[in-house]
Amino acid sequence: MTATLPDGTPPTTTREKADPTMTTSTSPDTTTAHTASSAHRHRATTAPAYRITLARVIRAEWIKLRTLRSTWAMLTAVLLTIVGIGAIAAASATGAVEGPRDGGGPGGGDPLSTVLSGSMLAVVLVGVLGVLFGAREYSSGLIRSYLAAVPARLPVLGAKVVAFLLAVVPVVLAGVFVAFAVGMAVLDAGGVATVSWSDPGTARVVLGTAGYVVGMGLIGLALGVLLRSTAGAISALLAGILVLPTLAGALLPEAWDGLLKYLPSNAASAFTSTVPTESLLGAGTGVLVFAGWIVVAVAGAAVALSRRDA
């Protein structure tokens, strides 16, 4: 039988007096703290994680490209080269003939080739810009931290291609359009026969020239990613544009001449010239072959970037 106090409550045992923690009650402060901690953990586990999307990677690449002074210096040089050399060539052509010629351009040649002659140097400049954009992070070592932040590597290459096109395409298009307008005005003022946009093949040659310049830039970008060396990629690019067509034509037997049509620069000549020759492909075939070179180069860069360590 348990004794009770006068108010009816049981007396405190000796063990309870010695250990005051033996209690089943919970203070309001403890309950509130536990609830707040649980709510914080719930929010931490349900908060959306920062997702890496292609649009964000493209934005990062665009910021990197446009904040470099070398980018704008190179693009300015491209624009001045296309327009300036074309104007100089047109002015020189007017002094090389004595009067207007009904069937052709300066000296009986192609006026489009004259006013767009600056594109040949622009091809080299844009190609070098592509190499720098593709290989710069490898030479500085930043590619390691970049790929750690963006583990999926294919979006990195895709973003580089998109950012490069956003920067280069407007400049090259502006260059060929201005070069055409200025060059034809100079030729016309000098009494040399000109062509207009309504003439057959004019739009194809002007736009094809722009495509050739931009396409070689993409090939340069792919070479930069493939070789991971600025010097090596630039050397390979220049060899493919300037050395290989001439060297192959001189060393290979005549039976192999048909293969020379499929080199990138020769394939581009098929759709950037208004004068068809047997040594060149057709215009449509040339477009497909040149586009194939771009696809192969970019695909090779994608495979290398996906499989190799940074």
C-alpha atoms as a PDB file:
ATOM      1  CA  MET A   1       0.000   0.000   0.000  1.00  0.00           C
ATOM      2  CA  THR A   2       1.443   3.366  -1.134  1.00  0.00           C
ATOM      3  CA  ALA A   3       1.318   6.290   1.223  1.00  0.00           C
ATOM      4  CA  THR A   4      -0.118   9.569  -0.017  1.00  0.00           C
ATOM      5  CA  LEU A   5       0.371  13.127   1.024  1.00  0.00           C
ATOM      6  CA  PRO A   6      -2.473  15.116   2.527  1.00  0.00           C
ATOM      7  CA  ASP A   7      -3.292  16.632  -0.913  1.00  0.00           C
ATOM      8  CA  GLY A   8      -3.574  13.156  -2.458  1.00  0.00           C
ATOM      9  CA  THR A   9      -0.286  13.152  -4.504  1.00  0.00           C
ATOM     10  CA  PRO A  10       2.270  10.355  -4.104  1.00  0.00           C
ATOM     11  CA  PRO A  11       5.531  11.282  -2.406  1.00  0.00           C
ATOM     12  CA  THR A  12       8.767  11.719  -4.405  1.00  0.00           C
ATOM     13  CA  THR A  13      11.006   8.704  -4.248  1.00  0.00           C
ATOM     14  CA  THR A  14      14.610   8.864  -3.168  1.00  0.00           C
ATOM     15  CA  ARG A  15      15.816   7.943  -6.721  1.00  0.00           C
ATOM     16  CA  GLU A  16      13.809  10.764  -8.270  1.00  0.00           C
ATOM     17  CA  LYS A  17      15.332  13.220  -5.806  1.00  0.00           C
ATOM     18  CA  ALA A  18      18.831  12.024  -6.621  1.00  0.00           C
ATOM     19  CA  ASP A  19      18.296  12.128 -10.442  1.00  0.00           C
ATOM     20  CA  PRO A  20      16.163  15.099 -11.415  1.00  0.00           C
ATOM     21  CA  THR A  21      16.407  14.130 -15.128  1.00  0.00           C
ATOM     22  CA  MET A  22      14.025  11.249 -14.599  1.00  0.00           C
ATOM     23  CA  THR A  23      10.956  13.054 -15.841  1.00  0.00           C
ATOM     24  CA  THR A  24       8.584  12.576 -18.744  1.00  0.00           C
ATOM     25  CA  SER A  25       7.681  16.219 -19.170  1.00  0.00           C
ATOM     26  CA  THR A  26       9.152  18.366 -21.985  1.00  0.00           C
ATOM     27  CA  SER A  27       9.690  22.085 -21.633  1.00  0.00           C
ATOM     28  CA  PRO A  28       8.134  24.420 -24.239  1.00  0.00           C
ATOM     29  CA  ASP A  29      11.595  25.740 -25.274  1.00  0.00           C
ATOM     30  CA  THR A  30      12.848  22.226 -26.056  1.00  0.00           C
ATOM     31  CA  THR A  31       9.783  21.437 -28.146  1.00  0.00           C
ATOM     32  CA  THR A  32      10.103  24.675 -30.135  1.00  0.00           C
ATOM     33  CA  ALA A  33      13.815  24.117 -30.871  1.00  0.00           C
ATOM     34  CA  HIS A  34      13.173  20.556 -32.031  1.00  0.00           C
ATOM     35  CA  THR A  35      10.382  21.707 -34.348  1.00  0.00           C
ATOM     36  CA  ALA A  36      12.533  24.475 -35.857  1.00  0.00           C
ATOM     37  CA  SER A  37      15.429  22.075 -36.431  1.00  0.00           C
ATOM     38  CA  SER A  38      13.159  19.566 -38.168  1.00  0.00           C
ATOM     39  CA  ALA A  39      11.699  22.271 -40.407  1.00  0.00           C
ATOM     40  CA  HIS A  40      15.190  23.491 -41.355  1.00  0.00           C
ATOM     41  CA  ARG A  41      16.285  19.968 -42.298  1.00  0.00           C
ATOM     42  CA  HIS A  42      13.120  19.512 -44.358  1.00  0.00           C
ATOM     43  CA  ARG A  43      13.749  22.727 -46.289  1.00  0.00           C
ATOM     44  CA  ALA A  44      17.392  21.761 -46.882  1.00  0.00           C
ATOM     45  CA  THR A  45      16.444  18.415 -48.378  1.00  0.00           C
ATOM     46  CA  THR A  46      13.617  19.768 -50.531  1.00  0.00           C
ATOM     47  CA  ALA A  47      15.336  22.952 -51.837  1.00  0.00           C
ATOM     48  CA  PRO A  48      15.956  22.745 -55.607  1.00  0.00           C
ATOM     49  CA  ALA A  49      19.599  22.186 -56.562  1.00  0.00           C
ATOM     50  CA  TYR A  50      21.369  24.537 -59.006  1.00  0.00           C
ATOM     51  CA  ARG A  51      21.078  22.895 -62.401  1.00  0.00           C
ATOM     52  CA  ILE A  52      23.709  23.224 -65.101  1.00  0.00           C
ATOM     53  CA  THR A  53      21.887  23.764 -68.387  1.00  0.00           C
ATOM     54  CA  LEU A  54      23.166  24.269 -71.905  1.00  0.00           C
ATOM     55  CA  ALA A  55      21.886  27.852 -71.888  1.00  0.00           C
ATOM     56  CA  ARG A  56      23.954  28.661 -68.803  1.00  0.00           C
ATOM     57  CA  VAL A  57      27.063  27.061 -70.269  1.00  0.00           C
ATOM     58  CA  ILE A  58      26.567  29.041 -73.496  1.00  0.00           C
ATOM     59  CA  ARG A  59      26.229  32.230 -71.457  1.00  0.00           C
ATOM     60  CA  ALA A  60      29.468  31.446 -69.624  1.00  0.00           C
ATOM     61  CA  GLU A  61      31.303  30.823 -72.898  1.00  0.00           C
ATOM     62  CA  TRP A  62      29.903  34.004 -74.393  1.00  0.00           C
ATOM     63  CA  ILE A  63      31.076  36.038 -71.397  1.00  0.00           C
ATOM     64  CA  LYS A  64      34.552  34.530 -71.683  1.00  0.00           C
ATOM     65  CA  LEU A  65      34.739  35.248 -75.401  1.00  0.00           C
ATOM     66  CA  ARG A  66      33.456  38.813 -75.391  1.00  0.00           C
ATOM     67  CA  THR A  67      35.464  39.954 -72.370  1.00  0.00           C
ATOM     68  CA  LEU A  68      38.801  39.155 -74.020  1.00  0.00           C
ATOM     69  CA  ARG A  69      40.462  42.069 -75.801  1.00  0.00           C
ATOM     70  CA  SER A  70      42.092  39.688 -78.245  1.00  0.00           C
ATOM     71  CA  THR A  71      38.653  38.627 -79.485  1.00  0.00           C
ATOM     72  CA  TRP A  72      37.623  42.128 -80.467  1.00  0.00           C
ATOM     73  CA  ALA A  73      41.058  42.912 -81.866  1.00  0.00           C
ATOM     74  CA  MET A  74      40.905  39.821 -84.066  1.00  0.00           C
ATOM     75  CA  LEU A  75      37.326  40.487 -85.207  1.00  0.00           C
ATOM     76  CA  THR A  76      38.214  44.083 -86.039  1.00  0.00           C
ATOM     77  CA  ALA A  77      41.168  42.839 -88.069  1.00  0.00           C
ATOM     78  CA  VAL A  78      38.871  40.401 -89.897  1.00  0.00           C
ATOM     79  CA  LEU A  79      36.420  43.155 -90.823  1.00  0.00           C
ATOM     80  CA  LEU A  80      39.138  45.552 -91.974  1.00  0.00           C
ATOM     81  CA  THR A  81      40.880  42.803 -93.917  1.00  0.00           C
ATOM     82  CA  ILE A  82      37.797  41.764 -95.879  1.00  0.00           C
ATOM     83  CA  VAL A  83      36.758  45.323 -96.706  1.00  0.00           C
ATOM     84  CA  GLY A  84      40.187  46.918 -97.032  1.00  0.00           C
ATOM     85  CA  ILE A  85      41.888  44.339 -99.213  1.00  0.00           C
ATOM     86  CA  GLY A  86      38.808  44.098-101.420  1.00  0.00           C
ATOM     87  CA  ALA A  87      38.752  47.867-101.932  1.00  0.00           C
ATOM     88  CA  ILE A  88      42.486  47.981-102.654  1.00  0.00           C
ATOM     89  CA  ALA A  89      42.187  45.110-105.140  1.00  0.00           C
ATOM     90  CA  ALA A  90      39.295  46.848-106.881  1.00  0.00           C
ATOM     91  CA  ALA A  91      41.221  50.116-107.081  1.00  0.00           C
ATOM     92  CA  SER A  92      44.246  48.309-108.476  1.00  0.00           C
ATOM     93  CA  ALA A  93      42.072  46.572-111.056  1.00  0.00           C
ATOM     94  CA  THR A  94      40.724  49.853-112.366  1.00  0.00           C
ATOM     95  CA  GLY A  95      44.243  50.968-113.139  1.00  0.00           C
ATOM     96  CA  ALA A  96      45.082  47.663-114.824  1.00  0.00           C
ATOM     97  CA  VAL A  97      42.558  48.099-117.660  1.00  0.00           C
ATOM     98  CA  GLU A  98      42.034  50.907-120.158  1.00  0.00           C
ATOM     99  CA  GLY A  99      38.277  50.835-120.417  1.00  0.00           C
ATOM    100  CA  PRO A 100      35.094  48.954-119.610  1.00  0.00           C
ATOM    101  CA  ARG A 101      34.834  45.327-120.610  1.00  0.00           C
ATOM    102  CA  ASP A 102      31.449  43.888-121.449  1.00  0.00           C
ATOM    103  CA  GLY A 103      31.907  40.309-120.453  1.00  0.00           C
ATOM    104  CA  GLY A 104      33.889  40.271-117.305  1.00  0.00           C
ATOM    105  CA  GLY A 105      35.564  41.987-114.458  1.00  0.00           C
ATOM    106  CA  PRO A 106      38.934  43.609-114.161  1.00  0.00           C
ATOM    107  CA  GLY A 107      41.228  42.437-116.867  1.00  0.00           C
ATOM    108  CA  GLY A 108      38.479  40.178-118.140  1.00  0.00           C
ATOM    109  CA  GLY A 109      38.457  38.267-114.833  1.00  0.00           C
ATOM    110  CA  ASP A 110      35.841  37.813-112.122  1.00  0.00           C
ATOM    111  CA  PRO A 111      34.811  41.013-110.297  1.00  0.00           C
ATOM    112  CA  LEU A 112      33.493  39.004-107.364  1.00  0.00           C
ATOM    113  CA  SER A 113      36.863  37.364-106.856  1.00  0.00           C
ATOM    114  CA  THR A 114      38.435  40.816-106.876  1.00  0.00           C
ATOM    115  CA  VAL A 115      36.205  42.516-104.321  1.00  0.00           C
ATOM    116  CA  LEU A 116      36.169  39.465-102.034  1.00  0.00           C
ATOM    117  CA  SER A 117      39.895  38.760-102.262  1.00  0.00           C
ATOM    118  CA  GLY A 118      40.353  39.846 -98.637  1.00  0.00           C
ATOM    119  CA  SER A 119      38.477  36.766 -97.515  1.00  0.00           C
ATOM    120  CA  MET A 120      41.553  34.605 -98.089  1.00  0.00           C
ATOM    121  CA  LEU A 121      43.429  36.323 -95.269  1.00  0.00           C
ATOM    122  CA  ALA A 122      40.233  36.498 -93.207  1.00  0.00           C
ATOM    123  CA  VAL A 123      40.045  32.693 -93.365  1.00  0.00           C
ATOM    124  CA  VAL A 124      43.409  32.486 -91.610  1.00  0.00           C
ATOM    125  CA  LEU A 125      42.480  35.100 -88.987  1.00  0.00           C
ATOM    126  CA  VAL A 126      39.145  33.501 -88.111  1.00  0.00           C
ATOM    127  CA  GLY A 127      40.752  30.060 -88.070  1.00  0.00           C
ATOM    128  CA  VAL A 128      43.385  31.283 -85.607  1.00  0.00           C
ATOM    129  CA  LEU A 129      40.655  32.861 -83.474  1.00  0.00           C
ATOM    130  CA  GLY A 130      38.885  29.502 -83.389  1.00  0.00           C
ATOM    131  CA  VAL A 131      42.096  27.749 -82.335  1.00  0.00           C
ATOM    132  CA  LEU A 132      42.650  30.249 -79.518  1.00  0.00           C
ATOM    133  CA  PHE A 133      39.088  29.834 -78.289  1.00  0.00           C
ATOM    134  CA  GLY A 134      39.353  26.056 -78.332  1.00  0.00           C
ATOM    135  CA  ALA A 135      42.855  25.580 -76.888  1.00  0.00           C
ATOM    136  CA  ARG A 136      43.426  28.563 -74.585  1.00  0.00           C
ATOM    137  CA  GLU A 137      42.047  26.838 -71.470  1.00  0.00           C
ATOM    138  CA  TYR A 138      44.297  23.839 -71.997  1.00  0.00           C
ATOM    139  CA  SER A 139      47.444  25.964 -72.068  1.00  0.00           C
ATOM    140  CA  SER A 140      46.419  27.832 -68.905  1.00  0.00           C
ATOM    141  CA  GLY A 141      45.180  24.750 -67.040  1.00  0.00           C
ATOM    142  CA  LEU A 142      41.722  26.250 -66.430  1.00  0.00           C
ATOM    143  CA  ILE A 143      40.110  23.382 -68.299  1.00  0.00           C
ATOM    144  CA  ARG A 144      40.386  21.180 -65.192  1.00  0.00           C
ATOM    145  CA  SER A 145      38.326  23.444 -62.977  1.00  0.00           C
ATOM    146  CA  TYR A 146      35.948  24.137 -65.850  1.00  0.00           C
ATOM    147  CA  LEU A 147      35.208  20.463 -66.461  1.00  0.00           C
ATOM    148  CA  ALA A 148      34.883  19.906 -62.711  1.00  0.00           C
ATOM    149  CA  ALA A 149      32.127  22.528 -62.664  1.00  0.00           C
ATOM    150  CA  VAL A 150      30.493  21.128 -65.833  1.00  0.00           C
ATOM    151  CA  PRO A 151      30.945  17.332 -65.685  1.00  0.00           C
ATOM    152  CA  ALA A 152      28.955  16.737 -68.894  1.00  0.00           C
ATOM    153  CA  ARG A 153      31.588  17.585 -71.488  1.00  0.00           C
ATOM    154  CA  LEU A 154      29.578  17.641 -74.685  1.00  0.00           C
ATOM    155  CA  PRO A 155      27.636  20.765 -73.614  1.00  0.00           C
ATOM    156  CA  VAL A 156      30.992  22.490 -73.142  1.00  0.00           C
ATOM    157  CA  LEU A 157      31.950  21.958 -76.786  1.00  0.00           C
ATOM    158  CA  GLY A 158      28.449  22.789 -77.983  1.00  0.00           C
ATOM    159  CA  ALA A 159      28.499  26.027 -76.005  1.00  0.00           C
ATOM    160  CA  LYS A 160      31.872  26.962 -77.475  1.00  0.00           C
ATOM    161  CA  VAL A 161      30.537  26.432 -80.999  1.00  0.00           C
ATOM    162  CA  VAL A 162      27.412  28.527 -80.359  1.00  0.00           C
ATOM    163  CA  ALA A 163      29.326  31.367 -78.676  1.00  0.00           C
ATOM    164  CA  PHE A 164      31.889  31.384 -81.479  1.00  0.00           C
ATOM    165  CA  LEU A 165      29.176  31.601 -84.129  1.00  0.00           C
ATOM    166  CA  LEU A 166      27.425  34.415 -82.260  1.00  0.00           C
ATOM    167  CA  ALA A 167      30.629  36.443 -82.295  1.00  0.00           C
ATOM    168  CA  VAL A 168      31.953  35.658 -85.774  1.00  0.00           C
ATOM    169  CA  VAL A 169      28.945  35.341 -88.094  1.00  0.00           C
ATOM    170  CA  PRO A 170      27.717  38.973 -87.823  1.00  0.00           C
ATOM    171  CA  VAL A 171      31.229  40.349 -88.374  1.00  0.00           C
ATOM    172  CA  VAL A 172      31.950  38.163 -91.402  1.00  0.00           C
ATOM    173  CA  LEU A 173      28.563  38.849 -92.995  1.00  0.00           C
ATOM    174  CA  ALA A 174      29.019  42.576 -92.489  1.00  0.00           C
ATOM    175  CA  GLY A 175      32.494  42.323 -93.988  1.00  0.00           C
ATOM    176  CA  VAL A 176      31.480  40.557 -97.205  1.00  0.00           C
ATOM    177  CA  PHE A 177      28.424  42.775 -97.737  1.00  0.00           C
ATOM    178  CA  VAL A 178      30.415  45.983 -97.266  1.00  0.00           C
ATOM    179  CA  ALA A 179      33.293  44.644 -99.368  1.00  0.00           C
ATOM    180  CA  PHE A 180      30.863  43.830-102.175  1.00  0.00           C
ATOM    181  CA  ALA A 181      29.232  47.270-102.065  1.00  0.00           C
ATOM    182  CA  VAL A 182      32.485  49.229-101.798  1.00  0.00           C
ATOM    183  CA  GLY A 183      34.373  47.095-104.301  1.00  0.00           C
ATOM    184  CA  MET A 184      31.675  47.249-106.950  1.00  0.00           C
ATOM    185  CA  ALA A 185      31.402  51.009-106.494  1.00  0.00           C
ATOM    186  CA  VAL A 186      35.152  51.366-107.032  1.00  0.00           C
ATOM    187  CA  LEU A 187      35.076  49.141-110.114  1.00  0.00           C
ATOM    188  CA  ASP A 188      32.118  51.004-111.555  1.00  0.00           C
ATOM    189  CA  ALA A 189      33.792  54.365-110.956  1.00  0.00           C
ATOM    190  CA  GLY A 190      36.852  53.097-112.789  1.00  0.00           C
ATOM    191  CA  GLY A 191      34.834  52.011-115.798  1.00  0.00           C
ATOM    192  CA  VAL A 192      35.193  48.286-115.137  1.00  0.00           C
ATOM    193  CA  ALA A 193      32.275  45.915-115.642  1.00  0.00           C
ATOM    194  CA  THR A 194      30.570  44.918-112.405  1.00  0.00           C
ATOM    195  CA  VAL A 195      27.925  42.490-111.206  1.00  0.00           C
ATOM    196  CA  SER A 196      24.810  43.046-109.112  1.00  0.00           C
ATOM    197  CA  TRP A 197      22.793  40.958-106.683  1.00  0.00           C
ATOM    198  CA  SER A 198      20.387  40.033-109.473  1.00  0.00           C
ATOM    199  CA  ASP A 199      23.117  38.396-111.554  1.00  0.00           C
ATOM    200  CA  PRO A 200      23.249  34.590-111.394  1.00  0.00           C
ATOM    201  CA  GLY A 201      25.629  33.259-108.793  1.00  0.00           C
ATOM    202  CA  THR A 202      26.288  36.552-107.009  1.00  0.00           C
ATOM    203  CA  ALA A 203      24.383  35.767-103.828  1.00  0.00           C
ATOM    204  CA  ARG A 204      25.827  32.254-103.745  1.00  0.00           C
ATOM    205  CA  VAL A 205      29.391  33.498-104.017  1.00  0.00           C
ATOM    206  CA  VAL A 206      29.009  36.268-101.422  1.00  0.00           C
ATOM    207  CA  LEU A 207      27.216  34.098 -98.874  1.00  0.00           C
ATOM    208  CA  GLY A 208      29.431  31.129 -99.714  1.00  0.00           C
ATOM    209  CA  THR A 209      32.523  33.201 -99.020  1.00  0.00           C
ATOM    210  CA  ALA A 210      31.135  34.121 -95.611  1.00  0.00           C
ATOM    211  CA  GLY A 211      30.358  30.468 -94.950  1.00  0.00           C
ATOM    212  CA  TYR A 212      33.881  29.455 -95.921  1.00  0.00           C
ATOM    213  CA  VAL A 213      35.428  31.950 -93.497  1.00  0.00           C
ATOM    214  CA  VAL A 214      33.156  30.921 -90.623  1.00  0.00           C
ATOM    215  CA  GLY A 215      33.542  27.218 -91.403  1.00  0.00           C
ATOM    216  CA  MET A 216      37.327  27.375 -91.221  1.00  0.00           C
ATOM    217  CA  GLY A 217      36.925  29.068 -87.852  1.00  0.00           C
ATOM    218  CA  LEU A 218      34.916  26.088 -86.610  1.00  0.00           C
ATOM    219  CA  ILE A 219      37.563  23.711 -87.933  1.00  0.00           C
ATOM    220  CA  GLY A 220      40.185  25.758 -86.090  1.00  0.00           C
ATOM    221  CA  LEU A 221      38.162  25.539 -82.872  1.00  0.00           C
ATOM    222  CA  ALA A 222      37.881  21.773 -83.262  1.00  0.00           C
ATOM    223  CA  LEU A 223      41.625  21.465 -83.901  1.00  0.00           C
ATOM    224  CA  GLY A 224      42.309  23.446 -80.737  1.00  0.00           C
ATOM    225  CA  VAL A 225      40.220  21.027 -78.666  1.00  0.00           C
ATOM    226  CA  LEU A 226      41.668  17.979 -80.434  1.00  0.00           C
ATOM    227  CA  LEU A 227      45.342  18.910 -80.177  1.00  0.00           C
ATOM    228  CA  ARG A 228      45.084  20.902 -76.906  1.00  0.00           C
ATOM    229  CA  SER A 229      47.962  23.036 -78.160  1.00  0.00           C
ATOM    230  CA  THR A 230      47.687  26.510 -79.634  1.00  0.00           C
ATOM    231  CA  ALA A 231      50.891  26.266 -81.652  1.00  0.00           C
ATOM    232  CA  GLY A 232      50.168  22.754 -82.908  1.00  0.00           C
ATOM    233  CA  ALA A 233      46.597  23.547 -83.912  1.00  0.00           C
ATOM    234  CA  ILE A 234      47.581  26.747 -85.734  1.00  0.00           C
ATOM    235  CA  SER A 235      50.312  24.863 -87.592  1.00  0.00           C
ATOM    236  CA  ALA A 236      47.865  22.141 -88.621  1.00  0.00           C
ATOM    237  CA  LEU A 237      45.315  24.733 -89.736  1.00  0.00           C
ATOM    238  CA  LEU A 238      47.783  26.672 -91.869  1.00  0.00           C
ATOM    239  CA  ALA A 239      49.136  23.466 -93.352  1.00  0.00           C
ATOM    240  CA  GLY A 240      45.642  22.389 -94.353  1.00  0.00           C
ATOM    241  CA  ILE A 241      44.778  25.757 -95.895  1.00  0.00           C
ATOM    242  CA  LEU A 242      48.027  26.841 -97.524  1.00  0.00           C
ATOM    243  CA  VAL A 243      50.503  23.969 -97.759  1.00  0.00           C
ATOM    244  CA  LEU A 244      48.579  20.749 -98.322  1.00  0.00           C
ATOM    245  CA  PRO A 245      46.699  21.710-101.530  1.00  0.00           C
ATOM    246  CA  THR A 246      49.868  22.963-103.234  1.00  0.00           C
ATOM    247  CA  LEU A 247      52.130  20.208-101.949  1.00  0.00           C
ATOM    248  CA  ALA A 248      49.679  17.435-102.771  1.00  0.00           C
ATOM    249  CA  GLY A 249      49.170  18.807-106.267  1.00  0.00           C
ATOM    250  CA  ALA A 250      52.910  18.834-106.874  1.00  0.00           C
ATOM    251  CA  LEU A 251      53.773  15.435-105.390  1.00  0.00           C
ATOM    252  CA  LEU A 252      50.802  13.207-106.142  1.00  0.00           C
ATOM    253  CA  PRO A 253      50.523  11.558-109.579  1.00  0.00           C
ATOM    254  CA  GLU A 254      47.927  12.837-112.019  1.00  0.00           C
ATOM    255  CA  ALA A 255      45.706   9.854-111.324  1.00  0.00           C
ATOM    256  CA  TRP A 256      45.171  11.249-107.829  1.00  0.00           C
ATOM    257  CA  ASP A 257      44.182  14.733-108.960  1.00  0.00           C
ATOM    258  CA  GLY A 258      40.529  13.900-108.482  1.00  0.00           C
ATOM    259  CA  LEU A 259      41.094  13.544-104.737  1.00  0.00           C
ATOM    260  CA  LEU A 260      42.396  17.098-104.486  1.00  0.00           C
ATOM    261  CA  LYS A 261      38.897  18.376-105.223  1.00  0.00           C
ATOM    262  CA  TYR A 262      37.796  17.112-101.816  1.00  0.00           C
ATOM    263  CA  LEU A 263      40.298  19.080 -99.749  1.00  0.00           C
ATOM    264  CA  PRO A 264      38.548  21.747 -97.620  1.00  0.00           C
ATOM    265  CA  SER A 265      39.920  24.772 -99.470  1.00  0.00           C
ATOM    266  CA  ASN A 266      39.290  23.248-102.904  1.00  0.00           C
ATOM    267  CA  ALA A 267      35.775  22.192-101.936  1.00  0.00           C
ATOM    268  CA  ALA A 268      35.105  25.760-100.797  1.00  0.00           C
ATOM    269  CA  SER A 269      36.404  27.117-104.102  1.00  0.00           C
ATOM    270  CA  ALA A 270      33.610  25.210-105.825  1.00  0.00           C
ATOM    271  CA  PHE A 271      30.922  27.413-104.252  1.00  0.00           C
ATOM    272  CA  THR A 272      32.901  30.667-103.931  1.00  0.00           C
ATOM    273  CA  SER A 273      33.654  31.015-107.636  1.00  0.00           C
ATOM    274  CA  THR A 274      31.360  31.951-110.494  1.00  0.00           C
ATOM    275  CA  VAL A 275      33.661  30.359-113.064  1.00  0.00           C
ATOM    276  CA  PRO A 276      33.234  26.541-113.055  1.00  0.00           C
ATOM    277  CA  THR A 277      36.277  24.478-113.975  1.00  0.00           C
ATOM    278  CA  GLU A 278      36.947  20.768-114.351  1.00  0.00           C
ATOM    279  CA  SER A 279      39.386  20.866-111.455  1.00  0.00           C
ATOM    280  CA  LEU A 280      36.603  21.793-109.018  1.00  0.00           C
ATOM    281  CA  LEU A 281      33.483  20.075-107.760  1.00  0.00           C
ATOM    282  CA  GLY A 282      30.030  21.380-108.493  1.00  0.00           C
ATOM    283  CA  ALA A 283      28.766  24.147-106.232  1.00  0.00           C
ATOM    284  CA  GLY A 284      26.271  21.947-104.398  1.00  0.00           C
ATOM    285  CA  THR A 285      28.741  19.100-103.998  1.00  0.00           C
ATOM    286  CA  GLY A 286      31.346  21.536-102.727  1.00  0.00           C
ATOM    287  CA  VAL A 287      28.976  22.757-100.021  1.00  0.00           C
ATOM    288  CA  LEU A 288      28.293  19.199 -98.876  1.00  0.00           C
ATOM    289  CA  VAL A 289      31.972  18.234 -98.850  1.00  0.00           C
ATOM    290  CA  PHE A 290      33.023  21.338 -96.927  1.00  0.00           C
ATOM    291  CA  ALA A 291      30.192  20.866 -94.441  1.00  0.00           C
ATOM    292  CA  GLY A 292      31.345  17.264 -94.047  1.00  0.00           C
ATOM    293  CA  TRP A 293      34.837  18.451 -93.087  1.00  0.00           C
ATOM    294  CA  ILE A 294      33.321  20.684 -90.409  1.00  0.00           C
ATOM    295  CA  VAL A 295      31.164  17.875 -89.029  1.00  0.00           C
ATOM    296  CA  VAL A 296      34.087  15.439 -88.934  1.00  0.00           C
ATOM    297  CA  ALA A 297      36.330  17.956 -87.165  1.00  0.00           C
ATOM    298  CA  VAL A 298      33.741  18.899 -84.537  1.00  0.00           C
ATOM    299  CA  ALA A 299      32.728  15.261 -84.009  1.00  0.00           C
ATOM    300  CA  GLY A 300      36.368  14.287 -83.510  1.00  0.00           C
ATOM    301  CA  ALA A 301      36.766  17.072 -80.966  1.00  0.00           C
ATOM    302  CA  ALA A 302      33.630  15.880 -79.159  1.00  0.00           C
ATOM    303  CA  VAL A 303      34.907  12.302 -78.937  1.00  0.00           C
ATOM    304  CA  ALA A 304      38.323  13.432 -77.730  1.00  0.00           C
ATOM    305  CA  LEU A 305      36.846  15.774 -75.129  1.00  0.00           C
ATOM    306  CA  SER A 306      34.524  13.057 -73.816  1.00  0.00           C
ATOM    307  CA  ARG A 307      37.119  10.295 -73.505  1.00  0.00           C
ATOM    308  CA  ARG A 308      40.343  12.029 -72.538  1.00  0.00           C
ATOM    309  CA  ASP A 309      41.352  13.370 -69.162  1.00  0.00           C
ATOM    310  CA  ALA A 310      41.633  17.113 -68.828  1.00  0.00           C
END
